[in-house]
Structures are given as structure tokens and as C-alpha cells.
């Protein structure tokens, strides 16, 4: 048998081995798996957002489930995050405009409590409708699949995820107010009413 025939046989055997391996492992490849964040979002939309208990900035306990029946914005932020600083005033305006209809739960991911306090003082929070809690161990951040901040979750009165927002948002613009009004009224916020 000449070298070309031997090489051809080896190439065919390698190709058969690759095809066999691929068929046995195709569903295990990362490209064919839903990222963990997608699974978290799917669960939040169908079952509801994960409940958590954290410490308010004043040290008192806060439990997300106590807000069931309200429209809630769960926002992950940090005092050192420039985009967070940019969006924070509009979140305060949202609470002012929507009064008791929308509650913001601002979850600080700062490492030190001392970094949080001057930031909050500058924005006049916490206040009614604007809860500030500290995720010092980053467990809730992990539970919600947070990779970057700011990141927010709009939660309907049924405690299911309505929308996830990545990055900075104008929370008090007319479009946002209309969106929150629709969510509050139990309507589909993606459709004009």
C-alpha cells in the first residue's frame, strides 16, 4: 500500500472520529446551551423574581416580597459607577411622578458602606418609595445574574419580570411614565393603549 492510500485511510478514520465525537457532544457545546443569565430571566418571567432579604442603609431589614402587589424597579448600582450616577436622578423623579404606584429598590454593590452614604445624601434618598439596600456579600447580585452595572429589573404587581434594562435609562421621561402606568394598570406595556 502506498503512502497516499495510507494517508487517505487515516484521514477518513480521523474524519469519522470527529463526526462521531461531534454527534455525541453537540448538546454539550457552549454555543448550544442557554447562558445561565437567559435561564434566570426565563424563570423570572414565568415564576417570578427571586425574593431576598438585605439590610437597608439604616441597618433595618428589607424583604423584597413585602412589596408584592406593587410595581417595583430593582436597580443594581454602585457609588463609583459613572453611569449609575447619571441615571440616579431620573429614578428619583420616577418615584416623585408615580407616587405610590412604583417603588425603586436600589441595591448598592459597593464594598464599603462609607462609600454609599455621601452618594445617597447627594440625591436625597432613601425616602418614601425609594428603598436603598446594601448587597455587601454580592449574593443577590449573583442570584440575579448581574455582570455589569447599572442593571435594572422591572417587576410587575404579580412579582414576575416585565423587563430587564441594561445600562442607563431615563426613568422619568414620558415614554417611561406611560410604560409604568400600563404595567400598574395590568396592561401590556409594549402595546399602545
N, C-alpha and C. Protein backbone atom coordinates (compact mmCIF):
# COMPACT_ATOMS: atom_id res chain seq x y z
N UNK A 1 0.87 -1.17 0.00
CA UNK A 1 0.00 0.00 0.00
C UNK A 1 0.91 1.23 0.00
N UNK A 2 0.59 2.16 -0.89
CA UNK A 2 1.47 3.33 -0.94
C UNK A 2 1.08 4.36 0.11
N UNK A 3 1.91 5.35 0.30
CA UNK A 3 1.75 6.36 1.36
C UNK A 3 0.48 7.18 1.16
N UNK A 4 0.08 7.42 -0.08
CA UNK A 4 -1.14 8.21 -0.33
C UNK A 4 -2.39 7.47 0.13
N UNK A 5 -2.43 6.19 -0.11
CA UNK A 5 -3.59 5.39 0.30
C UNK A 5 -3.64 5.31 1.83
N UNK A 6 -2.48 5.07 2.47
CA UNK A 6 -2.44 5.01 3.92
C UNK A 6 -2.89 6.36 4.52
N UNK A 7 -2.40 7.44 3.95
CA UNK A 7 -2.78 8.78 4.43
C UNK A 7 -4.26 9.03 4.26
N UNK A 8 -4.82 8.56 3.15
CA UNK A 8 -6.25 8.72 2.89
C UNK A 8 -7.08 7.95 3.90
N UNK A 9 -6.66 6.72 4.21
CA UNK A 9 -7.37 5.90 5.19
C UNK A 9 -7.32 6.56 6.57
N UNK A 10 -6.17 7.07 6.96
CA UNK A 10 -6.02 7.75 8.25
C UNK A 10 -6.91 8.98 8.28
N UNK A 11 -6.96 9.75 7.21
CA UNK A 11 -7.79 10.96 7.14
C UNK A 11 -9.27 10.61 7.28
N UNK A 12 -9.70 9.55 6.63
CA UNK A 12 -11.10 9.12 6.71
C UNK A 12 -11.41 8.68 8.14
N UNK A 13 -10.51 7.93 8.77
CA UNK A 13 -10.73 7.48 10.15
C UNK A 13 -10.80 8.68 11.11
N UNK A 14 -9.95 9.67 10.90
CA UNK A 14 -9.98 10.88 11.74
C UNK A 14 -11.31 11.61 11.53
N UNK A 15 -11.73 11.75 10.28
CA UNK A 15 -13.00 12.43 9.99
C UNK A 15 -14.18 11.69 10.63
N UNK A 16 -14.18 10.37 10.57
CA UNK A 16 -15.25 9.58 11.19
C UNK A 16 -15.22 9.80 12.70
N UNK A 17 -14.04 9.82 13.31
CA UNK A 17 -13.91 10.06 14.74
C UNK A 17 -14.43 11.44 15.13
N UNK A 18 -14.12 12.45 14.33
CA UNK A 18 -14.59 13.82 14.61
C UNK A 18 -16.11 13.88 14.51
N UNK A 19 -16.68 13.30 13.47
CA UNK A 19 -18.14 13.30 13.30
C UNK A 19 -18.79 12.55 14.47
N UNK A 20 -18.26 11.41 14.85
CA UNK A 20 -18.81 10.65 15.97
C UNK A 20 -18.76 11.47 17.26
N UNK A 21 -17.60 12.10 17.54
CA UNK A 21 -17.46 12.92 18.75
C UNK A 21 -18.45 14.09 18.73
N UNK A 22 -18.57 14.75 17.58
CA UNK A 22 -19.48 15.89 17.46
C UNK A 22 -20.92 15.47 17.75
N UNK A 23 -21.37 14.37 17.15
CA UNK A 23 -22.74 13.91 17.38
C UNK A 23 -22.98 13.53 18.83
N UNK A 24 -21.97 12.99 19.48
CA UNK A 24 -22.11 12.59 20.89
C UNK A 24 -22.09 13.80 21.83
N UNK A 25 -21.48 14.89 21.40
CA UNK A 25 -21.27 16.03 22.31
C UNK A 25 -21.91 17.34 21.86
N UNK A 26 -22.64 17.36 20.78
CA UNK A 26 -23.17 18.61 20.23
C UNK A 26 -24.02 19.38 21.25
N UNK A 27 -24.81 18.69 22.04
CA UNK A 27 -25.67 19.38 23.01
C UNK A 27 -24.91 19.89 24.23
N UNK A 28 -23.67 19.45 24.38
CA UNK A 28 -22.85 19.91 25.50
C UNK A 28 -22.01 21.14 25.14
N UNK A 29 -21.95 21.47 23.88
CA UNK A 29 -21.14 22.62 23.45
C UNK A 29 -21.75 23.91 23.97
N UNK A 30 -20.92 24.85 24.43
CA UNK A 30 -21.45 26.11 24.99
C UNK A 30 -22.36 26.86 24.04
N UNK A 31 -22.08 26.79 22.75
CA UNK A 31 -22.89 27.52 21.79
C UNK A 31 -24.32 26.97 21.71
N UNK A 32 -24.50 25.72 22.12
CA UNK A 32 -25.82 25.09 22.07
C UNK A 32 -26.52 25.06 23.41
N UNK A 33 -25.99 25.77 24.38
CA UNK A 33 -26.61 25.85 25.69
C UNK A 33 -27.08 27.26 25.95
N UNK A 34 -28.18 27.38 26.63
CA UNK A 34 -28.67 28.69 27.02
C UNK A 34 -27.78 29.23 28.13
N UNK A 35 -27.26 30.46 27.97
CA UNK A 35 -26.44 31.01 29.04
C UNK A 35 -27.24 31.07 30.35
N UNK A 36 -26.52 30.99 31.45
CA UNK A 36 -27.16 31.00 32.76
C UNK A 36 -28.06 32.21 32.92
N UNK A 37 -27.64 33.35 32.38
CA UNK A 37 -28.44 34.57 32.51
C UNK A 37 -29.80 34.41 31.83
N UNK A 38 -29.83 33.73 30.68
CA UNK A 38 -31.09 33.50 29.98
C UNK A 38 -32.02 32.64 30.82
N UNK A 39 -31.46 31.63 31.45
CA UNK A 39 -32.27 30.75 32.29
C UNK A 39 -32.85 31.53 33.47
N UNK A 40 -32.03 32.40 34.04
CA UNK A 40 -32.51 33.22 35.16
C UNK A 40 -33.65 34.11 34.71
N UNK A 41 -33.50 34.75 33.55
CA UNK A 41 -34.54 35.64 33.02
C UNK A 41 -35.81 34.84 32.71
N UNK A 42 -35.66 33.69 32.07
CA UNK A 42 -36.84 32.85 31.78
C UNK A 42 -37.60 32.51 33.05
N UNK A 43 -36.87 32.17 34.10
CA UNK A 43 -37.51 31.82 35.37
C UNK A 43 -38.20 33.04 35.98
N UNK A 44 -37.55 34.21 35.89
CA UNK A 44 -38.15 35.43 36.43
C UNK A 44 -39.45 35.78 35.71
N UNK A 45 -39.49 35.53 34.40
CA UNK A 45 -40.69 35.84 33.62
C UNK A 45 -41.82 34.85 33.89
N UNK A 46 -41.50 33.59 34.12
CA UNK A 46 -42.54 32.59 34.29
C UNK A 46 -42.94 32.36 35.74
N UNK A 47 -41.97 32.32 36.64
CA UNK A 47 -42.24 32.00 38.04
C UNK A 47 -42.26 33.25 38.92
N UNK A 48 -41.40 34.19 38.62
CA UNK A 48 -41.28 35.42 39.41
C UNK A 48 -39.83 35.69 39.78
N UNK A 49 -39.58 36.90 40.21
CA UNK A 49 -38.21 37.28 40.57
C UNK A 49 -37.84 36.66 41.91
N UNK A 50 -36.56 36.37 42.11
CA UNK A 50 -36.14 35.80 43.38
C UNK A 50 -36.35 36.79 44.53
N UNK A 51 -36.87 36.29 45.61
CA UNK A 51 -37.02 37.12 46.81
C UNK A 51 -35.65 37.20 47.50
N UNK A 52 -35.46 38.23 48.26
CA UNK A 52 -34.24 38.37 49.03
C UNK A 52 -34.51 39.24 50.25
N UNK A 53 -33.65 39.10 51.23
CA UNK A 53 -33.67 39.97 52.40
C UNK A 53 -32.28 40.58 52.51
N UNK A 54 -32.23 41.91 52.53
CA UNK A 54 -30.97 42.63 52.68
C UNK A 54 -31.13 43.68 53.77
N UNK A 55 -30.02 44.26 54.12
CA UNK A 55 -30.02 45.32 55.13
C UNK A 55 -30.20 46.67 54.44
N UNK A 56 -31.17 47.44 54.94
CA UNK A 56 -31.31 48.82 54.47
C UNK A 56 -30.07 49.59 54.89
N UNK A 57 -29.90 50.74 54.33
CA UNK A 57 -28.74 51.56 54.64
C UNK A 57 -28.74 51.99 56.11
N UNK A 58 -29.93 52.05 56.72
CA UNK A 58 -30.01 52.42 58.15
C UNK A 58 -29.85 51.20 59.07
N UNK A 59 -29.63 50.02 58.47
CA UNK A 59 -29.41 48.81 59.25
C UNK A 59 -30.64 47.94 59.45
N UNK A 60 -31.82 48.45 59.14
CA UNK A 60 -33.04 47.66 59.32
C UNK A 60 -33.18 46.65 58.17
N UNK A 61 -33.88 45.52 58.42
CA UNK A 61 -34.03 44.52 57.38
C UNK A 61 -35.05 44.94 56.32
N UNK A 62 -34.79 44.53 55.09
CA UNK A 62 -35.69 44.78 53.97
C UNK A 62 -35.92 43.45 53.26
N UNK A 63 -37.19 43.14 52.99
CA UNK A 63 -37.55 41.91 52.27
C UNK A 63 -38.32 42.30 51.02
N UNK A 64 -37.83 41.89 49.86
CA UNK A 64 -38.46 42.25 48.60
C UNK A 64 -39.92 41.79 48.54
N UNK A 65 -40.21 40.60 49.05
CA UNK A 65 -41.57 40.04 48.99
C UNK A 65 -42.60 40.94 49.66
N UNK A 66 -42.16 41.82 50.56
CA UNK A 66 -43.10 42.75 51.21
C UNK A 66 -43.69 43.75 50.22
N UNK A 67 -43.11 43.85 49.03
CA UNK A 67 -43.60 44.78 48.01
C UNK A 67 -44.52 44.11 46.99
N UNK A 68 -44.81 42.83 47.18
CA UNK A 68 -45.68 42.12 46.24
C UNK A 68 -46.99 42.88 46.11
N UNK A 69 -47.47 43.03 44.88
CA UNK A 69 -48.68 43.80 44.62
C UNK A 69 -48.37 45.22 44.12
N UNK A 70 -47.09 45.60 44.17
CA UNK A 70 -46.67 46.91 43.67
C UNK A 70 -45.79 46.71 42.44
N UNK A 71 -45.66 47.75 41.63
CA UNK A 71 -44.70 47.75 40.54
C UNK A 71 -43.37 48.18 41.14
N UNK A 72 -42.33 47.39 40.87
CA UNK A 72 -41.03 47.61 41.51
C UNK A 72 -39.93 47.67 40.45
N UNK A 73 -39.00 48.60 40.66
CA UNK A 73 -37.76 48.63 39.88
C UNK A 73 -36.65 48.20 40.82
N UNK A 74 -36.05 47.05 40.52
CA UNK A 74 -34.90 46.57 41.29
C UNK A 74 -33.67 46.99 40.50
N UNK A 75 -32.90 47.91 41.08
CA UNK A 75 -31.76 48.51 40.38
C UNK A 75 -30.46 48.18 41.12
N UNK A 76 -29.49 47.63 40.38
CA UNK A 76 -28.17 47.35 40.94
C UNK A 76 -27.24 48.48 40.52
N UNK A 77 -26.53 49.05 41.47
CA UNK A 77 -25.69 50.23 41.23
C UNK A 77 -24.52 50.25 42.21
N UNK A 78 -23.63 51.22 42.03
CA UNK A 78 -22.54 51.47 42.98
C UNK A 78 -22.18 52.95 42.92
N UNK A 79 -21.66 53.48 44.01
CA UNK A 79 -21.35 54.91 44.09
C UNK A 79 -20.22 55.31 43.15
N UNK A 80 -19.34 54.39 42.79
CA UNK A 80 -18.21 54.68 41.92
C UNK A 80 -18.55 54.57 40.44
N UNK A 81 -19.75 54.15 40.12
CA UNK A 81 -20.18 53.86 38.75
C UNK A 81 -20.76 55.13 38.10
N UNK A 82 -20.03 55.70 37.14
CA UNK A 82 -20.49 56.94 36.49
C UNK A 82 -21.85 56.81 35.82
N UNK A 83 -22.14 55.73 35.08
CA UNK A 83 -23.48 55.59 34.51
C UNK A 83 -24.57 55.52 35.59
N UNK A 84 -24.25 54.94 36.75
CA UNK A 84 -25.21 54.88 37.85
C UNK A 84 -25.52 56.29 38.35
N UNK A 85 -24.47 57.10 38.48
CA UNK A 85 -24.63 58.49 38.91
C UNK A 85 -25.50 59.24 37.90
N UNK A 86 -25.30 58.96 36.62
CA UNK A 86 -26.06 59.61 35.56
C UNK A 86 -27.55 59.27 35.63
N UNK A 87 -27.89 58.02 35.91
CA UNK A 87 -29.29 57.61 35.86
C UNK A 87 -30.04 57.81 37.18
N UNK A 88 -29.35 57.94 38.28
CA UNK A 88 -29.98 58.02 39.60
C UNK A 88 -31.03 59.14 39.71
N UNK A 89 -30.73 60.37 39.24
CA UNK A 89 -31.74 61.43 39.37
C UNK A 89 -33.07 61.10 38.69
N UNK A 90 -33.03 60.41 37.55
CA UNK A 90 -34.28 60.08 36.87
C UNK A 90 -35.07 59.03 37.64
N UNK A 91 -34.39 58.18 38.40
CA UNK A 91 -35.10 57.20 39.23
C UNK A 91 -35.82 57.92 40.38
N UNK A 92 -35.17 58.93 40.94
CA UNK A 92 -35.81 59.73 41.99
C UNK A 92 -37.04 60.44 41.41
N UNK A 93 -36.90 61.00 40.20
CA UNK A 93 -38.04 61.67 39.55
C UNK A 93 -39.17 60.70 39.25
N UNK A 94 -38.83 59.47 38.86
CA UNK A 94 -39.86 58.45 38.60
C UNK A 94 -40.71 58.24 39.85
N UNK A 95 -40.06 58.07 40.99
CA UNK A 95 -40.79 57.86 42.25
C UNK A 95 -41.64 59.09 42.57
N UNK A 96 -41.10 60.28 42.35
CA UNK A 96 -41.85 61.51 42.60
C UNK A 96 -43.09 61.59 41.71
N UNK A 97 -42.94 61.22 40.43
CA UNK A 97 -44.06 61.32 39.49
C UNK A 97 -45.10 60.23 39.68
N UNK A 98 -44.66 59.02 40.03
CA UNK A 98 -45.58 57.89 40.13
C UNK A 98 -46.10 57.68 41.56
N UNK A 99 -45.62 58.48 42.49
CA UNK A 99 -46.05 58.42 43.91
C UNK A 99 -46.00 56.99 44.43
N UNK A 100 -47.12 56.47 44.89
CA UNK A 100 -47.15 55.13 45.50
C UNK A 100 -47.29 54.01 44.48
N UNK A 101 -47.32 54.34 43.19
CA UNK A 101 -47.55 53.33 42.16
C UNK A 101 -46.30 52.55 41.78
N UNK A 102 -45.12 53.13 42.00
CA UNK A 102 -43.86 52.48 41.66
C UNK A 102 -42.90 52.64 42.83
N UNK A 103 -42.22 51.55 43.18
CA UNK A 103 -41.20 51.59 44.23
C UNK A 103 -39.86 51.23 43.59
N UNK A 104 -38.84 52.02 43.88
CA UNK A 104 -37.48 51.70 43.45
C UNK A 104 -36.76 51.04 44.61
N UNK A 105 -36.13 49.91 44.33
CA UNK A 105 -35.27 49.24 45.30
C UNK A 105 -33.86 49.33 44.72
N UNK A 106 -33.07 50.26 45.25
CA UNK A 106 -31.71 50.50 44.78
C UNK A 106 -30.76 49.63 45.60
N UNK A 107 -30.15 48.66 44.94
CA UNK A 107 -29.26 47.72 45.62
C UNK A 107 -27.81 48.13 45.36
N UNK A 108 -27.17 48.63 46.40
CA UNK A 108 -25.77 49.04 46.28
C UNK A 108 -24.87 47.81 46.27
N UNK A 109 -23.93 47.81 45.33
CA UNK A 109 -22.95 46.74 45.25
C UNK A 109 -21.58 47.24 45.70
N UNK A 110 -21.56 48.39 46.39
CA UNK A 110 -20.31 48.93 46.91
C UNK A 110 -19.69 47.97 47.91
N UNK A 111 -18.37 48.07 48.06
CA UNK A 111 -17.66 47.23 49.02
C UNK A 111 -17.73 47.78 50.44
N UNK A 112 -17.81 49.12 50.56
CA UNK A 112 -17.83 49.73 51.89
C UNK A 112 -19.05 50.64 52.05
N UNK A 113 -19.70 50.52 53.19
CA UNK A 113 -20.88 51.33 53.48
C UNK A 113 -20.55 52.82 53.49
N UNK A 114 -19.33 53.16 53.92
CA UNK A 114 -18.92 54.57 53.97
C UNK A 114 -18.95 55.22 52.58
N UNK A 115 -18.78 54.43 51.52
CA UNK A 115 -18.81 54.98 50.16
C UNK A 115 -20.23 55.29 49.71
N UNK A 116 -21.20 54.61 50.29
CA UNK A 116 -22.60 54.74 49.88
C UNK A 116 -23.24 56.01 50.44
N UNK A 117 -22.97 56.30 51.67
CA UNK A 117 -23.68 57.38 52.38
C UNK A 117 -23.59 58.75 51.73
N UNK A 118 -22.40 59.26 51.32
CA UNK A 118 -22.36 60.57 50.67
C UNK A 118 -23.13 60.60 49.35
N UNK A 119 -23.10 59.49 48.64
CA UNK A 119 -23.83 59.37 47.37
C UNK A 119 -25.33 59.55 47.61
N UNK A 120 -25.85 58.84 48.60
CA UNK A 120 -27.28 58.90 48.90
C UNK A 120 -27.70 60.29 49.39
N UNK A 121 -26.85 60.89 50.19
CA UNK A 121 -27.16 62.24 50.70
C UNK A 121 -27.28 63.22 49.54
N UNK A 122 -26.43 63.09 48.55
CA UNK A 122 -26.46 64.00 47.39
C UNK A 122 -27.78 63.91 46.63
N UNK A 123 -28.42 62.73 46.66
CA UNK A 123 -29.67 62.53 45.92
C UNK A 123 -30.91 62.55 46.80
N UNK A 124 -30.73 62.74 48.09
CA UNK A 124 -31.88 62.82 48.99
C UNK A 124 -32.63 61.52 49.16
N UNK A 125 -31.93 60.43 49.16
CA UNK A 125 -32.55 59.11 49.36
C UNK A 125 -31.82 58.42 50.50
N UNK A 126 -32.43 57.46 51.15
CA UNK A 126 -33.75 56.88 50.92
C UNK A 126 -34.87 57.85 51.31
N UNK A 127 -36.05 57.55 50.80
CA UNK A 127 -37.27 58.32 51.06
C UNK A 127 -38.44 57.44 50.70
N UNK A 128 -39.66 57.86 50.99
CA UNK A 128 -40.81 57.00 50.66
C UNK A 128 -40.82 56.64 49.17
N UNK A 129 -40.97 55.35 48.91
CA UNK A 129 -41.00 54.86 47.54
C UNK A 129 -39.62 54.59 46.96
N UNK A 130 -38.58 54.86 47.73
CA UNK A 130 -37.21 54.67 47.24
C UNK A 130 -36.40 53.99 48.34
N UNK A 131 -36.32 52.67 48.27
CA UNK A 131 -35.60 51.87 49.25
C UNK A 131 -34.14 51.75 48.82
N UNK A 132 -33.23 51.84 49.76
CA UNK A 132 -31.81 51.65 49.47
C UNK A 132 -31.30 50.53 50.37
N UNK A 133 -30.78 49.48 49.73
CA UNK A 133 -30.26 48.34 50.47
C UNK A 133 -28.84 48.05 49.99
N UNK A 134 -28.12 47.28 50.80
CA UNK A 134 -26.71 47.01 50.51
C UNK A 134 -26.49 45.52 50.36
N UNK A 135 -25.98 45.12 49.21
CA UNK A 135 -25.64 43.72 48.92
C UNK A 135 -24.15 43.52 49.17
N UNK A 136 -23.75 43.62 50.43
CA UNK A 136 -22.32 43.62 50.76
C UNK A 136 -21.63 42.32 50.39
N UNK A 137 -22.32 41.20 50.40
CA UNK A 137 -21.71 39.92 50.05
C UNK A 137 -21.90 39.56 48.57
N UNK A 138 -22.61 40.40 47.83
CA UNK A 138 -22.86 40.22 46.39
C UNK A 138 -23.67 38.96 46.08
N UNK A 139 -24.41 38.45 47.07
CA UNK A 139 -25.20 37.24 46.86
C UNK A 139 -26.44 37.50 46.01
N UNK A 140 -27.09 38.63 46.23
CA UNK A 140 -28.28 38.95 45.43
C UNK A 140 -27.85 39.28 44.00
N UNK A 141 -26.74 39.96 43.87
CA UNK A 141 -26.17 40.26 42.55
C UNK A 141 -25.97 38.96 41.76
N UNK A 142 -25.43 37.96 42.42
CA UNK A 142 -25.21 36.66 41.79
C UNK A 142 -26.54 35.97 41.49
N UNK A 143 -27.47 36.05 42.42
CA UNK A 143 -28.79 35.44 42.26
C UNK A 143 -29.52 35.99 41.03
N UNK A 144 -29.31 37.28 40.75
CA UNK A 144 -29.96 37.93 39.62
C UNK A 144 -29.11 37.88 38.34
N UNK A 145 -27.94 37.28 38.41
CA UNK A 145 -27.08 37.14 37.22
C UNK A 145 -26.47 38.44 36.75
N UNK A 146 -26.17 39.34 37.66
CA UNK A 146 -25.63 40.66 37.30
C UNK A 146 -24.16 40.54 36.92
N UNK A 147 -23.82 41.08 35.75
CA UNK A 147 -22.43 41.09 35.29
C UNK A 147 -21.88 42.51 35.24
N UNK A 148 -22.72 43.49 34.94
CA UNK A 148 -22.30 44.89 34.85
C UNK A 148 -23.38 45.75 35.49
N UNK A 149 -22.99 46.94 35.92
CA UNK A 149 -23.98 47.86 36.49
C UNK A 149 -23.91 49.16 35.72
N UNK A 150 -24.99 49.94 35.68
CA UNK A 150 -26.28 49.66 36.28
C UNK A 150 -27.05 48.61 35.48
N UNK A 151 -27.84 47.87 36.20
CA UNK A 151 -28.72 46.87 35.61
C UNK A 151 -30.00 46.87 36.44
N UNK A 152 -31.14 46.88 35.76
CA UNK A 152 -32.42 47.01 36.46
C UNK A 152 -33.42 45.97 35.99
N UNK A 153 -34.34 45.65 36.89
CA UNK A 153 -35.41 44.69 36.61
C UNK A 153 -36.72 45.36 36.96
N UNK A 154 -37.62 45.45 36.00
CA UNK A 154 -38.95 46.00 36.24
C UNK A 154 -39.85 44.81 36.56
N UNK A 155 -40.43 44.86 37.75
CA UNK A 155 -41.21 43.74 38.28
C UNK A 155 -42.67 44.18 38.36
N UNK A 156 -43.56 43.37 37.78
CA UNK A 156 -44.98 43.67 37.81
C UNK A 156 -45.60 43.36 39.17
N UNK A 157 -46.86 43.73 39.30
CA UNK A 157 -47.56 43.52 40.57
C UNK A 157 -47.69 42.04 40.92
N UNK A 158 -47.60 41.17 39.91
CA UNK A 158 -47.65 39.72 40.13
C UNK A 158 -46.29 39.15 40.52
N UNK A 159 -45.28 40.04 40.63
CA UNK A 159 -43.91 39.70 41.03
C UNK A 159 -43.13 39.02 39.92
N UNK A 160 -43.66 39.06 38.69
CA UNK A 160 -42.95 38.49 37.54
C UNK A 160 -42.22 39.60 36.80
N UNK A 161 -41.12 39.21 36.18
CA UNK A 161 -40.31 40.17 35.43
C UNK A 161 -41.07 40.68 34.22
N UNK A 162 -41.13 42.00 34.10
CA UNK A 162 -41.74 42.64 32.93
C UNK A 162 -40.66 42.97 31.91
N UNK A 163 -39.54 43.50 32.39
CA UNK A 163 -38.44 43.88 31.50
C UNK A 163 -37.15 43.99 32.29
N UNK A 164 -36.06 43.62 31.63
CA UNK A 164 -34.71 43.81 32.17
C UNK A 164 -34.08 44.96 31.39
N UNK A 165 -33.44 45.87 32.10
CA UNK A 165 -32.83 47.04 31.47
C UNK A 165 -31.34 47.03 31.77
N UNK A 166 -30.54 47.02 30.72
CA UNK A 166 -29.09 47.08 30.86
C UNK A 166 -28.63 48.51 30.61
N UNK A 167 -27.80 49.02 31.48
CA UNK A 167 -27.24 50.35 31.28
C UNK A 167 -28.17 51.44 31.75
N UNK A 168 -27.85 52.66 31.31
CA UNK A 168 -28.55 53.87 31.75
C UNK A 168 -29.89 54.00 31.05
N UNK A 169 -30.88 54.43 31.81
CA UNK A 169 -32.25 54.65 31.29
C UNK A 169 -32.76 55.97 31.83
N UNK A 170 -33.58 56.66 31.03
CA UNK A 170 -34.28 57.84 31.53
C UNK A 170 -35.60 57.34 32.11
N UNK A 171 -35.63 57.17 33.40
CA UNK A 171 -36.76 56.56 34.09
C UNK A 171 -37.95 57.50 34.24
N UNK A 172 -37.75 58.78 34.02
CA UNK A 172 -38.84 59.74 34.25
C UNK A 172 -39.34 60.40 32.97
N UNK A 173 -38.88 59.97 31.81
CA UNK A 173 -39.37 60.52 30.54
C UNK A 173 -40.82 60.10 30.31
N UNK A 174 -41.46 60.78 29.38
CA UNK A 174 -42.88 60.49 29.10
C UNK A 174 -43.10 59.05 28.68
N UNK A 175 -42.20 58.50 27.87
CA UNK A 175 -42.33 57.10 27.46
C UNK A 175 -42.24 56.15 28.64
N UNK A 176 -41.32 56.44 29.54
CA UNK A 176 -41.16 55.59 30.73
C UNK A 176 -42.39 55.69 31.63
N UNK A 177 -42.90 56.89 31.82
CA UNK A 177 -44.08 57.07 32.67
C UNK A 177 -45.28 56.32 32.08
N UNK A 178 -45.45 56.41 30.76
CA UNK A 178 -46.52 55.66 30.10
C UNK A 178 -46.35 54.15 30.27
N UNK A 179 -45.11 53.70 30.16
CA UNK A 179 -44.80 52.29 30.34
C UNK A 179 -45.19 51.83 31.75
N UNK A 180 -44.77 52.59 32.76
CA UNK A 180 -45.07 52.22 34.14
C UNK A 180 -46.57 52.31 34.44
N UNK A 181 -47.24 53.25 33.83
CA UNK A 181 -48.69 53.36 34.01
C UNK A 181 -49.38 52.10 33.47
N UNK A 182 -48.93 51.65 32.29
CA UNK A 182 -49.51 50.43 31.70
C UNK A 182 -49.24 49.21 32.59
N UNK A 183 -48.02 49.09 33.11
CA UNK A 183 -47.69 47.97 33.99
C UNK A 183 -48.56 48.02 35.24
N UNK A 184 -48.70 49.21 35.81
CA UNK A 184 -49.52 49.38 37.02
C UNK A 184 -50.97 48.97 36.75
N UNK A 185 -51.48 49.31 35.56
CA UNK A 185 -52.87 49.01 35.21
C UNK A 185 -53.06 47.57 34.72
N UNK A 186 -51.97 46.80 34.68
CA UNK A 186 -52.07 45.41 34.26
C UNK A 186 -52.19 45.24 32.76
N UNK A 187 -51.78 46.24 32.00
CA UNK A 187 -51.84 46.17 30.53
C UNK A 187 -50.47 45.79 29.99
N UNK A 188 -50.46 45.37 28.74
CA UNK A 188 -49.20 45.03 28.07
C UNK A 188 -48.49 46.34 27.74
N UNK A 189 -47.36 46.61 28.37
CA UNK A 189 -46.68 47.90 28.14
C UNK A 189 -46.06 48.04 26.77
N UNK A 190 -45.97 46.95 26.00
CA UNK A 190 -45.37 47.02 24.67
C UNK A 190 -46.38 47.45 23.61
N UNK A 191 -47.65 47.53 23.97
CA UNK A 191 -48.69 47.91 23.01
C UNK A 191 -49.22 49.29 23.34
N UNK A 192 -49.49 50.09 22.33
CA UNK A 192 -50.09 51.40 22.61
C UNK A 192 -51.52 51.23 23.12
N UNK A 193 -51.90 52.10 24.04
CA UNK A 193 -53.24 51.98 24.64
C UNK A 193 -54.07 53.21 24.37
